[in-house]
Amino acid sequence: MTASADFKQTIDPEMKSLVSQAAELVLNCEAILFTSGAGMGVGSGLGTFRGVAAGVWPPLLKHPNLDFSDMSNPKWFEIKQGNSKDHDTANFGYAFWAYRYNAYTSATPHIGYEIAKKWNHLSNVKHAFSFTSNIDGHWIKSGWDESLTLECHGSIHYMQCVKPCCQRIWETDNALNLQVDPKTDCVIDALPKCSFCTRLARPNVLMFGDGLYVDTRSNEQSENYNKFRANIQEMKGRLLIIELGAGTAVPTVRMESEAMYKDPELAADFIRINPLKEHLFMNHFYENRSKGRLLGIPLDALTALTMIDNEIADKVK
């Protein structure tokens, strides 16, 4: 795939300069770290669950006392089961995850992922990695090498025991493709069961207040991430951090981006891409501890990646 020419639109001089500078950084780095939050999925039609691009689960509109963090909580797997209009059963909690599973699996990763893969294969880029808080699995679904991916909050494409009975996980395989009663917003199918005991199964996703998350896969991905860091340090190459749609509500990705940027053992530049200008700010503690370049581009991830890619194509003609 190639970037659409639709993005070759008239832009103001300041934005044109930012895009041009970003393209130069891509062409002159030796390693790229893509860090991404929920904003990366907006171009694929996915909601962020917060902010202007929030994709609200419809039943929450009936319950102003509940929000995304209330539903993304393992407490729902520990309560009674049943189809209840009072929304006080595990079946209501599973309906939330069925909704998310359907949204993520039915969506197609946007062209920005293809652009990231293309940059990974530029002659100047020796190493690349994706650090994401997204649980949609879209980096891997797009063809990005799984060994070059860290899904720090887990993946909806894997399940685990609710207790857990063991440290093993397994592929979801449509276990969350569940029928929901439109009158009660509760799952009416049999709830998923653990593959190794008689308890329920839940998504292998790190939730709020979650002390039962099985981190076996996350630990394996973390080992690969540490190898990526070690390779950069060994070759003493220039690292470019490209942060895509990372918000401030759960700042895991932003903190990782900033920590890598200011790491004294790395020579790093940093591009922070976010459509909300108030989210472009940099913690001055980190900014003052790095000698690298810092760019803030107030665009959504897909638009920014496409415009930068077009600029790169123009520069290498």
C-alpha atoms as a PDB file:
ATOM      1  CA  MET A   1       0.000   0.000   0.000  1.00  0.00           C
ATOM      2  CA  THR A   2       1.046   3.573  -0.502  1.00  0.00           C
ATOM      3  CA  ALA A   3      -0.057   6.706   1.246  1.00  0.00           C
ATOM      4  CA  SER A   4      -3.003   8.473  -0.319  1.00  0.00           C
ATOM      5  CA  ALA A   5      -2.361  11.611  -2.276  1.00  0.00           C
ATOM      6  CA  ASP A   6      -5.443  13.064  -0.592  1.00  0.00           C
ATOM      7  CA  PHE A   7      -3.204  14.188   2.209  1.00  0.00           C
ATOM      8  CA  LYS A   8      -1.133  16.358  -0.119  1.00  0.00           C
ATOM      9  CA  GLN A   9      -3.217  19.312   0.794  1.00  0.00           C
ATOM     10  CA  THR A  10      -2.429  22.945   1.419  1.00  0.00           C
ATOM     11  CA  ILE A  11      -1.039  23.322   4.926  1.00  0.00           C
ATOM     12  CA  ASP A  12       0.179  26.337   6.831  1.00  0.00           C
ATOM     13  CA  PRO A  13       3.921  27.092   6.823  1.00  0.00           C
ATOM     14  CA  GLU A  14       4.379  26.075  10.457  1.00  0.00           C
ATOM     15  CA  MET A  15       2.854  22.623   9.893  1.00  0.00           C
ATOM     16  CA  LYS A  16       4.809  22.192   6.668  1.00  0.00           C
ATOM     17  CA  SER A  17       8.010  22.929   8.572  1.00  0.00           C
ATOM     18  CA  LEU A  18       7.148  20.416  11.302  1.00  0.00           C
ATOM     19  CA  VAL A  19       6.392  17.706   8.751  1.00  0.00           C
ATOM     20  CA  SER A  20       9.603  18.433   6.870  1.00  0.00           C
ATOM     21  CA  GLN A  21      11.654  18.279  10.073  1.00  0.00           C
ATOM     22  CA  ALA A  22       9.992  15.007  11.035  1.00  0.00           C
ATOM     23  CA  ALA A  23      10.830  13.507   7.634  1.00  0.00           C
ATOM     24  CA  GLU A  24      14.476  14.527   8.064  1.00  0.00           C
ATOM     25  CA  LEU A  25      14.574  12.830  11.469  1.00  0.00           C
ATOM     26  CA  VAL A  26      13.188   9.602   9.988  1.00  0.00           C
ATOM     27  CA  LEU A  27      15.752   9.678   7.166  1.00  0.00           C
ATOM     28  CA  ASN A  28      18.667  10.315   9.525  1.00  0.00           C
ATOM     29  CA  CYS A  29      17.973   7.961  12.410  1.00  0.00           C
ATOM     30  CA  GLU A  30      19.389   4.459  12.817  1.00  0.00           C
ATOM     31  CA  ALA A  31      16.616   3.068  15.005  1.00  0.00           C
ATOM     32  CA  ILE A  32      12.933   3.860  15.451  1.00  0.00           C
ATOM     33  CA  LEU A  33      10.756   3.278  18.500  1.00  0.00           C
ATOM     34  CA  PHE A  34       7.049   3.683  17.791  1.00  0.00           C
ATOM     35  CA  THR A  35       5.113   4.269  21.001  1.00  0.00           C
ATOM     36  CA  SER A  36       1.343   4.363  20.675  1.00  0.00           C
ATOM     37  CA  GLY A  37      -1.832   4.852  22.669  1.00  0.00           C
ATOM     38  CA  ALA A  38      -5.535   4.702  21.892  1.00  0.00           C
ATOM     39  CA  GLY A  39      -5.283   7.610  19.453  1.00  0.00           C
ATOM     40  CA  MET A  40      -3.421   5.323  17.046  1.00  0.00           C
ATOM     41  CA  GLY A  41      -6.633   3.355  16.506  1.00  0.00           C
ATOM     42  CA  VAL A  42      -8.853   6.315  15.628  1.00  0.00           C
ATOM     43  CA  GLY A  43      -7.881   6.107  11.960  1.00  0.00           C
ATOM     44  CA  SER A  44      -9.157   2.513  11.967  1.00  0.00           C
ATOM     45  CA  GLY A  45     -12.539   3.623  13.245  1.00  0.00           C
ATOM     46  CA  LEU A  46     -11.856   2.747  16.876  1.00  0.00           C
ATOM     47  CA  GLY A  47     -12.779   5.012  19.766  1.00  0.00           C
ATOM     48  CA  THR A  48     -10.388   6.124  22.479  1.00  0.00           C
ATOM     49  CA  PHE A  49     -12.966   5.714  25.291  1.00  0.00           C
ATOM     50  CA  ARG A  50     -11.897   9.201  26.398  1.00  0.00           C
ATOM     51  CA  GLY A  51     -11.684  12.667  24.877  1.00  0.00           C
ATOM     52  CA  VAL A  52     -13.061  13.947  21.576  1.00  0.00           C
ATOM     53  CA  ALA A  53     -12.674  10.557  19.845  1.00  0.00           C
ATOM     54  CA  ALA A  54     -14.271   8.561  22.651  1.00  0.00           C
ATOM     55  CA  GLY A  55     -16.169   5.485  21.493  1.00  0.00           C
ATOM     56  CA  VAL A  56     -18.621   5.107  24.344  1.00  0.00           C
ATOM     57  CA  TRP A  57     -20.102   1.677  25.046  1.00  0.00           C
ATOM     58  CA  PRO A  58     -23.828   2.463  24.632  1.00  0.00           C
ATOM     59  CA  PRO A  59     -24.996   0.972  27.986  1.00  0.00           C
ATOM     60  CA  LEU A  60     -22.797   3.487  29.817  1.00  0.00           C
ATOM     61  CA  LEU A  61     -25.087   6.239  28.585  1.00  0.00           C
ATOM     62  CA  LYS A  62     -27.750   4.689  30.819  1.00  0.00           C
ATOM     63  CA  HIS A  63     -25.383   4.658  33.783  1.00  0.00           C
ATOM     64  CA  PRO A  64     -23.730   8.041  34.401  1.00  0.00           C
ATOM     65  CA  ASN A  65     -22.254   6.556  37.564  1.00  0.00           C
ATOM     66  CA  LEU A  66     -20.152   4.106  35.508  1.00  0.00           C
ATOM     67  CA  ASP A  67     -17.299   4.913  33.137  1.00  0.00           C
ATOM     68  CA  PHE A  68     -14.608   3.130  31.146  1.00  0.00           C
ATOM     69  CA  SER A  69     -12.365   2.525  34.157  1.00  0.00           C
ATOM     70  CA  ASP A  70     -15.266   1.045  36.130  1.00  0.00           C
ATOM     71  CA  MET A  71     -15.974  -1.478  33.375  1.00  0.00           C
ATOM     72  CA  SER A  72     -12.314  -2.282  32.675  1.00  0.00           C
ATOM     73  CA  ASN A  73     -11.969  -3.816  36.115  1.00  0.00           C
ATOM     74  CA  PRO A  74     -11.562  -7.484  37.114  1.00  0.00           C
ATOM     75  CA  LYS A  75     -14.238  -7.147  39.826  1.00  0.00           C
ATOM     76  CA  TRP A  76     -16.888  -8.042  37.208  1.00  0.00           C
ATOM     77  CA  PHE A  77     -15.502 -11.565  36.894  1.00  0.00           C
ATOM     78  CA  GLU A  78     -15.864 -12.239  40.626  1.00  0.00           C
ATOM     79  CA  ILE A  79     -19.557 -11.491  41.155  1.00  0.00           C
ATOM     80  CA  LYS A  80     -22.693 -13.551  40.611  1.00  0.00           C
ATOM     81  CA  GLN A  81     -23.747 -14.600  37.130  1.00  0.00           C
ATOM     82  CA  GLY A  82     -27.091 -14.014  35.463  1.00  0.00           C
ATOM     83  CA  ASN A  83     -29.091 -11.922  33.039  1.00  0.00           C
ATOM     84  CA  SER A  84     -30.169  -8.952  35.165  1.00  0.00           C
ATOM     85  CA  LYS A  85     -31.718  -5.611  34.274  1.00  0.00           C
ATOM     86  CA  ASP A  86     -29.954  -4.236  37.349  1.00  0.00           C
ATOM     87  CA  HIS A  87     -26.577  -4.657  35.631  1.00  0.00           C
ATOM     88  CA  ASP A  88     -25.050  -6.153  38.755  1.00  0.00           C
ATOM     89  CA  THR A  89     -23.801  -9.468  37.366  1.00  0.00           C
ATOM     90  CA  ALA A  90     -20.722 -10.842  35.629  1.00  0.00           C
ATOM     91  CA  ASN A  91     -22.783 -11.074  32.451  1.00  0.00           C
ATOM     92  CA  PHE A  92     -22.934  -7.286  32.260  1.00  0.00           C
ATOM     93  CA  GLY A  93     -19.155  -7.074  32.582  1.00  0.00           C
ATOM     94  CA  TYR A  94     -18.643  -9.681  29.864  1.00  0.00           C
ATOM     95  CA  ALA A  95     -20.957  -7.711  27.552  1.00  0.00           C
ATOM     96  CA  PHE A  96     -18.487  -4.819  27.766  1.00  0.00           C
ATOM     97  CA  TRP A  97     -15.619  -7.078  26.696  1.00  0.00           C
ATOM     98  CA  ALA A  98     -17.721  -8.671  23.962  1.00  0.00           C
ATOM     99  CA  TYR A  99     -18.315  -5.170  22.594  1.00  0.00           C
ATOM    100  CA  ARG A 100     -14.618  -4.342  22.623  1.00  0.00           C
ATOM    101  CA  TYR A 101     -13.644  -7.690  21.107  1.00  0.00           C
ATOM    102  CA  ASN A 102     -16.091  -7.208  18.253  1.00  0.00           C
ATOM    103  CA  ALA A 103     -14.883  -3.641  17.636  1.00  0.00           C
ATOM    104  CA  TYR A 104     -11.207  -4.588  17.550  1.00  0.00           C
ATOM    105  CA  THR A 105     -11.532  -7.760  15.494  1.00  0.00           C
ATOM    106  CA  SER A 106     -13.903  -6.277  12.914  1.00  0.00           C
ATOM    107  CA  ALA A 107     -11.752  -3.182  12.291  1.00  0.00           C
ATOM    108  CA  THR A 108      -8.966  -3.134   9.708  1.00  0.00           C
ATOM    109  CA  PRO A 109      -5.647  -1.525  10.739  1.00  0.00           C
ATOM    110  CA  HIS A 110      -5.258   1.763   8.884  1.00  0.00           C
ATOM    111  CA  ILE A 111      -2.515   2.546   6.392  1.00  0.00           C
ATOM    112  CA  GLY A 112      -0.388   4.189   9.090  1.00  0.00           C
ATOM    113  CA  TYR A 113       0.735   0.749  10.230  1.00  0.00           C
ATOM    114  CA  GLU A 114       1.918   0.012   6.683  1.00  0.00           C
ATOM    115  CA  ILE A 115       3.858   3.272   6.709  1.00  0.00           C
ATOM    116  CA  ALA A 116       5.534   2.290   9.978  1.00  0.00           C
ATOM    117  CA  LYS A 117       6.551  -1.048   8.456  1.00  0.00           C
ATOM    118  CA  LYS A 118       7.926   0.757   5.404  1.00  0.00           C
ATOM    119  CA  TRP A 119      10.071   3.038   7.573  1.00  0.00           C
ATOM    120  CA  ASN A 120      11.353  -0.016   9.396  1.00  0.00           C
ATOM    121  CA  HIS A 121      12.863  -1.149   6.083  1.00  0.00           C
ATOM    122  CA  LEU A 122      14.556   2.132   5.160  1.00  0.00           C
ATOM    123  CA  SER A 123      18.243   1.595   4.481  1.00  0.00           C
ATOM    124  CA  ASN A 124      19.283   3.858   7.355  1.00  0.00           C
ATOM    125  CA  VAL A 125      17.102   2.072   9.945  1.00  0.00           C
ATOM    126  CA  LYS A 126      18.879  -0.870  11.575  1.00  0.00           C
ATOM    127  CA  HIS A 127      16.424  -1.575  14.395  1.00  0.00           C
ATOM    128  CA  ALA A 128      12.750  -0.826  15.066  1.00  0.00           C
ATOM    129  CA  PHE A 129      10.233  -1.648  17.779  1.00  0.00           C
ATOM    130  CA  SER A 130       6.614  -0.953  18.730  1.00  0.00           C
ATOM    131  CA  PHE A 131       5.682  -0.195  22.348  1.00  0.00           C
ATOM    132  CA  THR A 132       1.905   0.118  22.654  1.00  0.00           C
ATOM    133  CA  SER A 133      -0.744   0.269  25.357  1.00  0.00           C
ATOM    134  CA  ASN A 134      -3.398  -0.777  22.838  1.00  0.00           C
ATOM    135  CA  ILE A 135      -4.967  -4.179  23.381  1.00  0.00           C
ATOM    136  CA  ASP A 136      -6.470  -4.384  19.872  1.00  0.00           C
ATOM    137  CA  GLY A 137      -3.563  -6.375  18.394  1.00  0.00           C
ATOM    138  CA  HIS A 138      -3.511  -4.133  15.325  1.00  0.00           C
ATOM    139  CA  TRP A 139       0.269  -3.797  15.140  1.00  0.00           C
ATOM    140  CA  ILE A 140       0.582  -7.574  14.810  1.00  0.00           C
ATOM    141  CA  LYS A 141      -2.556  -7.888  12.651  1.00  0.00           C
ATOM    142  CA  SER A 142      -1.043  -5.390  10.200  1.00  0.00           C
ATOM    143  CA  GLY A 143       1.972  -7.655   9.720  1.00  0.00           C
ATOM    144  CA  TRP A 144       4.352  -5.995  12.165  1.00  0.00           C
ATOM    145  CA  ASP A 145       6.803  -8.557  13.573  1.00  0.00           C
ATOM    146  CA  GLU A 146       5.424  -9.833  16.898  1.00  0.00           C
ATOM    147  CA  SER A 147       8.970 -10.188  18.247  1.00  0.00           C
ATOM    148  CA  LEU A 148       9.323  -6.412  17.773  1.00  0.00           C
ATOM    149  CA  THR A 149       6.180  -5.565  19.747  1.00  0.00           C
ATOM    150  CA  LEU A 150       5.451  -4.912  23.417  1.00  0.00           C
ATOM    151  CA  GLU A 151       1.741  -4.709  24.268  1.00  0.00           C
ATOM    152  CA  CYS A 152       2.232  -3.355  27.773  1.00  0.00           C
ATOM    153  CA  HIS A 153      -1.446  -3.737  28.761  1.00  0.00           C
ATOM    154  CA  GLY A 154      -1.888  -7.164  27.209  1.00  0.00           C
ATOM    155  CA  SER A 155      -4.087  -8.231  24.290  1.00  0.00           C
ATOM    156  CA  ILE A 156      -7.758  -9.011  23.867  1.00  0.00           C
ATOM    157  CA  HIS A 157      -6.687 -11.846  21.575  1.00  0.00           C
ATOM    158  CA  TYR A 158      -5.605 -13.932  24.588  1.00  0.00           C
ATOM    159  CA  MET A 159      -7.479 -15.305  27.605  1.00  0.00           C
ATOM    160  CA  GLN A 160      -6.523 -16.374  31.125  1.00  0.00           C
ATOM    161  CA  CYS A 161      -8.137 -17.898  34.202  1.00  0.00           C
ATOM    162  CA  VAL A 162      -9.915 -15.352  36.416  1.00  0.00           C
ATOM    163  CA  LYS A 163      -8.086 -16.501  39.597  1.00  0.00           C
ATOM    164  CA  PRO A 164      -5.688 -17.576  37.963  1.00  0.00           C
ATOM    165  CA  CYS A 165      -5.179 -21.312  38.444  1.00  0.00           C
ATOM    166  CA  CYS A 166      -1.903 -21.171  36.487  1.00  0.00           C
ATOM    167  CA  GLN A 167       0.345 -18.777  34.594  1.00  0.00           C
ATOM    168  CA  ARG A 168      -0.808 -20.017  31.196  1.00  0.00           C
ATOM    169  CA  ILE A 169      -2.768 -18.087  28.579  1.00  0.00           C
ATOM    170  CA  TRP A 170      -4.434 -19.166  25.336  1.00  0.00           C
ATOM    171  CA  GLU A 171      -5.803 -17.573  22.186  1.00  0.00           C
ATOM    172  CA  THR A 172      -9.280 -16.080  22.491  1.00  0.00           C
ATOM    173  CA  ASP A 173     -10.589 -17.818  19.334  1.00  0.00           C
ATOM    174  CA  ASN A 174     -13.977 -16.057  19.421  1.00  0.00           C
ATOM    175  CA  ALA A 175     -14.574 -16.890  23.091  1.00  0.00           C
ATOM    176  CA  LEU A 176     -15.683 -13.264  23.481  1.00  0.00           C
ATOM    177  CA  ASN A 177     -17.982 -13.376  20.470  1.00  0.00           C
ATOM    178  CA  LEU A 178     -20.990 -13.463  22.804  1.00  0.00           C
ATOM    179  CA  GLN A 179     -24.675 -12.765  22.285  1.00  0.00           C
ATOM    180  CA  VAL A 180     -26.065  -9.891  24.368  1.00  0.00           C
ATOM    181  CA  ASP A 181     -29.660  -9.310  25.456  1.00  0.00           C
ATOM    182  CA  PRO A 182     -30.552  -5.842  24.083  1.00  0.00           C
ATOM    183  CA  LYS A 183     -33.031  -5.292  26.923  1.00  0.00           C
ATOM    184  CA  THR A 184     -30.623  -5.951  29.788  1.00  0.00           C
ATOM    185  CA  ASP A 185     -27.220  -5.406  28.105  1.00  0.00           C
ATOM    186  CA  CYS A 186     -26.065  -8.697  29.610  1.00  0.00           C
ATOM    187  CA  VAL A 187     -24.458 -11.681  27.905  1.00  0.00           C
ATOM    188  CA  ILE A 188     -26.946 -14.527  27.498  1.00  0.00           C
ATOM    189  CA  ASP A 189     -24.493 -17.114  26.104  1.00  0.00           C
ATOM    190  CA  ALA A 190     -22.512 -19.355  28.413  1.00  0.00           C
ATOM    191  CA  LEU A 191     -19.604 -17.348  29.811  1.00  0.00           C
ATOM    192  CA  PRO A 192     -16.050 -18.337  28.754  1.00  0.00           C
ATOM    193  CA  LYS A 193     -14.389 -21.016  30.860  1.00  0.00           C
ATOM    194  CA  CYS A 194     -10.758 -21.531  31.772  1.00  0.00           C
ATOM    195  CA  SER A 195      -8.991 -24.149  29.633  1.00  0.00           C
ATOM    196  CA  PHE A 196      -7.316 -25.653  32.699  1.00  0.00           C
ATOM    197  CA  CYS A 197      -9.958 -25.581  35.463  1.00  0.00           C
ATOM    198  CA  THR A 198     -13.690 -25.024  35.998  1.00  0.00           C
ATOM    199  CA  ARG A 199     -13.483 -21.288  36.706  1.00  0.00           C
ATOM    200  CA  LEU A 200     -14.370 -18.496  34.292  1.00  0.00           C
ATOM    201  CA  ALA A 201     -11.885 -17.130  31.781  1.00  0.00           C
ATOM    202  CA  ARG A 202     -11.204 -13.429  31.168  1.00  0.00           C
ATOM    203  CA  PRO A 203      -9.210 -11.379  28.669  1.00  0.00           C
ATOM    204  CA  ASN A 204      -5.470 -11.373  29.262  1.00  0.00           C
ATOM    205  CA  VAL A 205      -5.575  -7.600  29.651  1.00  0.00           C
ATOM    206  CA  LEU A 206      -4.107  -5.495  32.447  1.00  0.00           C
ATOM    207  CA  MET A 207      -7.155  -3.752  33.906  1.00  0.00           C
ATOM    208  CA  PHE A 208      -7.620  -1.115  36.592  1.00  0.00           C
ATOM    209  CA  GLY A 209      -6.928  -2.467  40.075  1.00  0.00           C
ATOM    210  CA  ASP A 210      -5.764  -5.724  38.529  1.00  0.00           C
ATOM    211  CA  GLY A 211      -3.665  -7.950  40.767  1.00  0.00           C
ATOM    212  CA  LEU A 212      -4.500 -11.142  38.883  1.00  0.00           C
ATOM    213  CA  TYR A 213      -3.152 -10.316  35.418  1.00  0.00           C
ATOM    214  CA  VAL A 214      -1.023 -13.152  34.009  1.00  0.00           C
ATOM    215  CA  ASP A 215       2.074 -11.419  32.657  1.00  0.00           C
ATOM    216  CA  THR A 216       3.801 -14.404  31.017  1.00  0.00           C
ATOM    217  CA  ARG A 217       3.428 -13.045  27.477  1.00  0.00           C
ATOM    218  CA  SER A 218       4.146  -9.474  28.569  1.00  0.00           C
ATOM    219  CA  ASN A 219       7.379 -10.638  30.186  1.00  0.00           C
ATOM    220  CA  GLU A 220       8.472 -12.356  26.965  1.00  0.00           C
ATOM    221  CA  GLN A 221       7.730  -9.184  25.008  1.00  0.00           C
ATOM    222  CA  SER A 222       9.621  -7.132  27.588  1.00  0.00           C
ATOM    223  CA  GLU A 223      12.682  -9.321  27.066  1.00  0.00           C
ATOM    224  CA  ASN A 224      12.534  -8.541  23.334  1.00  0.00           C
ATOM    225  CA  TYR A 225      12.204  -4.849  24.133  1.00  0.00           C
ATOM    226  CA  ASN A 226      15.284  -4.997  26.349  1.00  0.00           C
ATOM    227  CA  LYS A 227      17.190  -6.636  23.476  1.00  0.00           C
ATOM    228  CA  PHE A 228      16.128  -3.771  21.206  1.00  0.00           C
ATOM    229  CA  ARG A 229      17.449  -1.255  23.724  1.00  0.00           C
ATOM    230  CA  ALA A 230      20.692  -3.195  24.108  1.00  0.00           C
ATOM    231  CA  ASN A 231      21.180  -3.280  20.327  1.00  0.00           C
ATOM    232  CA  ILE A 232      20.809   0.499  20.112  1.00  0.00           C
ATOM    233  CA  GLN A 233      23.289   1.052  22.915  1.00  0.00           C
ATOM    234  CA  GLU A 234      25.761  -1.360  21.356  1.00  0.00           C
ATOM    235  CA  MET A 235      25.718   0.262  17.931  1.00  0.00           C
ATOM    236  CA  LYS A 236      25.665   3.759  19.472  1.00  0.00           C
ATOM    237  CA  GLY A 237      23.165   4.777  16.825  1.00  0.00           C
ATOM    238  CA  ARG A 238      20.661   7.614  16.824  1.00  0.00           C
ATOM    239  CA  LEU A 239      17.208   6.638  18.058  1.00  0.00           C
ATOM    240  CA  LEU A 240      14.016   8.312  16.890  1.00  0.00           C
ATOM    241  CA  ILE A 241      10.997   7.984  19.192  1.00  0.00           C
ATOM    242  CA  ILE A 242       7.680   8.519  17.401  1.00  0.00           C
ATOM    243  CA  GLU A 243       4.783   8.741  19.847  1.00  0.00           C
ATOM    244  CA  LEU A 244       1.336   8.307  18.319  1.00  0.00           C
ATOM    245  CA  GLY A 245      -1.907   9.293  20.032  1.00  0.00           C
ATOM    246  CA  ALA A 246      -0.865   8.731  23.641  1.00  0.00           C
ATOM    247  CA  GLY A 247      -3.137  10.479  26.129  1.00  0.00           C
ATOM    248  CA  THR A 248      -2.614  11.650  29.679  1.00  0.00           C
ATOM    249  CA  ALA A 249      -5.360   9.729  31.538  1.00  0.00           C
ATOM    250  CA  VAL A 250      -3.220   6.566  31.695  1.00  0.00           C
ATOM    251  CA  PRO A 251       0.238   7.944  30.857  1.00  0.00           C
ATOM    252  CA  THR A 252       2.125   4.641  30.509  1.00  0.00           C
ATOM    253  CA  VAL A 253       3.137   5.296  26.905  1.00  0.00           C
ATOM    254  CA  ARG A 254       4.012   8.965  27.452  1.00  0.00           C
ATOM    255  CA  MET A 255       6.203   8.045  30.405  1.00  0.00           C
ATOM    256  CA  GLU A 256       8.035   5.389  28.384  1.00  0.00           C
ATOM    257  CA  SER A 257       8.597   7.801  25.487  1.00  0.00           C
ATOM    258  CA  GLU A 258       9.985  10.474  27.777  1.00  0.00           C
ATOM    259  CA  ALA A 259      12.142   8.023  29.728  1.00  0.00           C
ATOM    260  CA  MET A 260      13.755   6.774  26.514  1.00  0.00           C
ATOM    261  CA  TYR A 261      14.225  10.341  25.275  1.00  0.00           C
ATOM    262  CA  LYS A 262      16.143  11.416  28.339  1.00  0.00           C
ATOM    263  CA  ASP A 263      18.074   8.149  28.840  1.00  0.00           C
ATOM    264  CA  PRO A 264      21.724   9.268  29.118  1.00  0.00           C
ATOM    265  CA  GLU A 265      22.890   6.060  27.428  1.00  0.00           C
ATOM    266  CA  LEU A 266      20.912   6.847  24.269  1.00  0.00           C
ATOM    267  CA  ALA A 267      21.170   9.562  21.621  1.00  0.00           C
ATOM    268  CA  ALA A 268      17.491  10.149  20.943  1.00  0.00           C
ATOM    269  CA  ASP A 269      15.168  12.514  19.106  1.00  0.00           C
ATOM    270  CA  PHE A 270      11.453  12.617  19.861  1.00  0.00           C
ATOM    271  CA  ILE A 271       8.345  13.321  17.765  1.00  0.00           C
ATOM    272  CA  ARG A 272       5.138  13.565  19.804  1.00  0.00           C
ATOM    273  CA  ILE A 273       2.020  13.341  17.613  1.00  0.00           C
ATOM    274  CA  ASN A 274      -1.338  14.191  19.150  1.00  0.00           C
ATOM    275  CA  PRO A 275      -4.315  16.167  17.772  1.00  0.00           C
ATOM    276  CA  LEU A 276      -4.869  17.810  21.166  1.00  0.00           C
ATOM    277  CA  LYS A 277      -2.367  20.633  21.545  1.00  0.00           C
ATOM    278  CA  GLU A 278      -2.627  20.438  25.323  1.00  0.00           C
ATOM    279  CA  HIS A 279      -1.281  16.872  25.066  1.00  0.00           C
ATOM    280  CA  LEU A 280       1.815  17.950  23.137  1.00  0.00           C
ATOM    281  CA  PHE A 281       3.536  19.342  26.201  1.00  0.00           C
ATOM    282  CA  MET A 282       6.725  17.730  27.456  1.00  0.00           C
ATOM    283  CA  ASN A 283       7.601  17.274  31.093  1.00  0.00           C
ATOM    284  CA  HIS A 284      10.379  19.858  31.477  1.00  0.00           C
ATOM    285  CA  PHE A 285      12.321  17.477  33.708  1.00  0.00           C
ATOM    286  CA  TYR A 286      12.778  15.171  30.713  1.00  0.00           C
ATOM    287  CA  GLU A 287      13.137  17.931  28.144  1.00  0.00           C
ATOM    288  CA  ASN A 288      16.047  19.510  30.004  1.00  0.00           C
ATOM    289  CA  ARG A 289      17.859  16.192  30.415  1.00  0.00           C
ATOM    290  CA  SER A 290      18.080  15.366  26.718  1.00  0.00           C
ATOM    291  CA  LYS A 291      20.225  16.924  24.005  1.00  0.00           C
ATOM    292  CA  GLY A 292      18.042  15.509  21.238  1.00  0.00           C
ATOM    293  CA  ARG A 293      15.518  17.208  18.979  1.00  0.00           C
ATOM    294  CA  LEU A 294      11.907  17.473  20.126  1.00  0.00           C
ATOM    295  CA  LEU A 295       8.924  18.018  17.813  1.00  0.00           C
ATOM    296  CA  GLY A 296       5.247  18.284  18.696  1.00  0.00           C
ATOM    297  CA  ILE A 297       2.858  17.752  15.777  1.00  0.00           C
ATOM    298  CA  PRO A 298      -0.829  18.580  16.446  1.00  0.00           C
ATOM    299  CA  LEU A 299      -2.361  15.982  14.118  1.00  0.00           C
ATOM    300  CA  ASP A 300      -4.002  12.591  14.451  1.00  0.00           C
ATOM    301  CA  ALA A 301      -1.687   9.620  13.977  1.00  0.00           C
ATOM    302  CA  LEU A 302      -2.885   8.553  10.523  1.00  0.00           C
ATOM    303  CA  THR A 303      -2.740  12.053   9.042  1.00  0.00           C
ATOM    304  CA  ALA A 304       0.694  12.768  10.509  1.00  0.00           C
ATOM    305  CA  LEU A 305       2.212   9.478   9.364  1.00  0.00           C
ATOM    306  CA  THR A 306       0.808   9.932   5.856  1.00  0.00           C
ATOM    307  CA  MET A 307       2.023  13.527   5.526  1.00  0.00           C
ATOM    308  CA  ILE A 308       5.494  12.663   6.809  1.00  0.00           C
ATOM    309  CA  ASP A 309       5.664   9.684   4.455  1.00  0.00           C
ATOM    310  CA  ASN A 310       4.728  11.872   1.504  1.00  0.00           C
ATOM    311  CA  GLU A 311       7.454  14.332   2.519  1.00  0.00           C
ATOM    312  CA  ILE A 312       9.990  11.510   2.737  1.00  0.00           C
ATOM    313  CA  ALA A 313       9.028  10.404  -0.775  1.00  0.00           C
ATOM    314  CA  ASP A 314       9.600  13.941  -2.045  1.00  0.00           C
ATOM    315  CA  LYS A 315      12.994  14.195  -0.327  1.00  0.00           C
ATOM    316  CA  VAL A 316      14.378  10.934  -1.718  1.00  0.00           C
ATOM    317  CA  LYS A 317      13.326  11.543  -5.332  1.00  0.00           C
END
